[in-house]
Amino acid sequence: MPEMIWKEFLAAHYRPHLIVAKSIESDARSIADAETLVRHLAGTLGVRGNFAFSADRSELWIAVEREIDAERLRVVLAALPHGSSDEWNSMAFVQLDQNAMKRIAGLRGRKPTA
């Protein structure tokens, strides 16, 4: 599961898959916590393709090379599909509140049934 730097990932992969996780709390710590949880979740799910993160104070962008990896993450994160665009092969969005963060944290270390 090779994690890449955002700009390098985008340069290397044409129209990857995107999941946008928006934090209800809108602070840097919540986004950093979400990034850490998703990174661990990628390992738990056995993500095999390249992926990358980009974050600001309220959103975490997760770009994923392989469709199967993106779909697994989307399902486990409970992100809603939102079609595609010229830049992204598929897009999905999820709002992260404390309950969602606890649910995701509970998946660490065990294989989710997604």
Protein backbone atom coordinates (compact mmCIF):
# COMPACT_ATOMS: atom_id res chain seq x y z
CA MET A 1 0.00 0.00 0.00
CA PRO A 2 2.36 2.71 -1.17
CA GLU A 3 1.39 6.10 0.17
CA MET A 4 2.58 8.94 -2.04
CA ILE A 5 2.94 12.68 -1.76
CA TRP A 6 -0.21 14.38 -3.12
CA LYS A 7 1.35 16.23 -6.07
CA GLU A 8 3.43 13.22 -7.09
CA PHE A 9 0.38 10.96 -6.88
CA LEU A 10 -1.67 13.28 -9.10
CA ALA A 11 1.18 13.52 -11.62
CA ALA A 12 1.51 9.72 -11.74
CA HIS A 13 -2.18 8.74 -11.90
CA TYR A 14 -4.69 9.94 -14.49
CA ARG A 15 -8.23 10.32 -13.10
CA PRO A 16 -7.84 8.50 -9.79
CA HIS A 17 -10.67 8.02 -7.31
CA LEU A 18 -11.44 10.64 -4.66
CA ILE A 19 -13.04 10.45 -1.24
CA VAL A 20 -13.60 13.73 0.59
CA ALA A 21 -14.09 13.52 4.35
CA LYS A 22 -15.43 16.73 5.86
CA SER A 23 -15.00 17.22 9.59
CA ILE A 24 -17.97 18.57 11.53
CA GLU A 25 -15.55 20.09 14.05
CA SER A 26 -13.58 21.93 11.32
CA ASP A 27 -10.27 22.04 13.11
CA ALA A 28 -6.82 20.85 12.15
CA ARG A 29 -6.66 18.28 14.95
CA SER A 30 -9.86 16.54 13.83
CA ILE A 31 -8.56 16.32 10.28
CA ALA A 32 -5.16 15.06 11.47
CA ASP A 33 -6.92 12.41 13.59
CA ALA A 34 -9.06 11.41 10.59
CA GLU A 35 -5.96 11.12 8.38
CA THR A 36 -4.28 8.86 10.94
CA LEU A 37 -7.38 6.68 11.22
CA VAL A 38 -7.79 6.38 7.45
CA ARG A 39 -4.09 5.57 7.02
CA HIS A 40 -4.45 2.70 9.53
CA LEU A 41 -7.72 1.65 7.90
CA ALA A 42 -5.96 1.43 4.51
CA GLY A 43 -3.54 -1.03 6.07
CA THR A 44 -6.33 -3.04 7.68
CA LEU A 45 -8.22 -3.23 4.38
CA GLY A 46 -5.09 -4.26 2.50
CA VAL A 47 -5.10 -1.33 0.07
CA ARG A 48 -2.67 -2.40 -2.66
CA GLY A 49 -2.64 0.54 -5.01
CA ASN A 50 -1.08 3.93 -4.46
CA PHE A 51 -2.93 6.54 -2.44
CA ALA A 52 -2.35 10.05 -1.12
CA PHE A 53 -3.81 12.56 1.32
CA SER A 54 -4.36 16.29 1.15
CA ALA A 55 -5.89 18.17 4.06
CA ASP A 56 -6.91 21.59 5.26
CA ARG A 57 -8.67 22.62 8.47
CA SER A 58 -12.03 21.13 7.50
CA GLU A 59 -11.50 18.48 4.80
CA LEU A 60 -9.38 15.43 4.18
CA TRP A 61 -8.99 14.45 0.53
CA ILE A 62 -8.09 10.82 -0.10
CA ALA A 63 -6.97 9.98 -3.63
CA VAL A 64 -6.81 6.29 -4.52
CA GLU A 65 -5.33 4.62 -7.60
CA ARG A 66 -7.38 1.42 -7.78
CA GLU A 67 -11.17 1.27 -8.02
CA ILE A 68 -11.44 -1.75 -5.71
CA ASP A 69 -9.43 0.04 -3.00
CA ALA A 70 -11.50 3.20 -3.38
CA GLU A 71 -14.73 1.22 -3.14
CA ARG A 72 -13.60 -0.59 0.02
CA LEU A 73 -12.64 2.68 1.69
CA ARG A 74 -15.87 4.34 0.53
CA VAL A 75 -18.04 1.58 1.98
CA VAL A 76 -16.20 1.39 5.30
CA LEU A 77 -16.17 5.18 5.68
CA ALA A 78 -19.87 5.26 4.70
CA ALA A 79 -19.07 7.85 2.04
CA LEU A 80 -21.83 8.59 -0.46
CA PRO A 81 -20.96 8.23 -4.15
CA HIS A 82 -21.11 11.45 -6.13
CA GLY A 83 -20.37 10.50 -9.73
CA SER A 84 -17.20 11.50 -11.53
CA SER A 85 -15.56 14.53 -13.10
CA ASP A 86 -12.89 15.40 -15.65
CA GLU A 87 -10.28 15.10 -12.91
CA TRP A 88 -11.65 12.14 -10.89
CA ASN A 89 -12.78 8.71 -12.06
CA SER A 90 -15.14 8.52 -9.08
CA MET A 91 -15.93 10.79 -6.15
CA ALA A 92 -17.53 10.18 -2.76
CA PHE A 93 -18.22 12.40 0.23
CA VAL A 94 -18.62 11.74 3.94
CA GLN A 95 -19.12 13.97 6.97
CA LEU A 96 -17.07 12.94 9.97
CA ASP A 97 -18.56 13.57 13.39
CA GLN A 98 -17.43 12.04 16.68
CA ASN A 99 -19.60 8.95 16.16
CA ALA A 100 -18.11 8.31 12.73
CA MET A 101 -14.59 8.76 14.08
CA LYS A 102 -15.29 6.28 16.90
CA ARG A 103 -16.75 3.77 14.43
CA ILE A 104 -13.70 4.06 12.16
CA ALA A 105 -11.34 3.80 15.12
CA GLY A 106 -13.12 0.61 16.16
CA LEU A 107 -12.27 -0.96 12.80
CA ARG A 108 -8.53 -0.62 13.29
CA GLY A 109 -6.79 -3.92 13.62
CA ARG A 110 -9.62 -6.07 12.28
CA LYS A 111 -10.91 -6.73 8.80
CA PRO A 112 -14.22 -4.94 8.21
CA THR A 113 -16.87 -6.82 6.25
CA ALA A 114 -16.96 -4.39 3.35
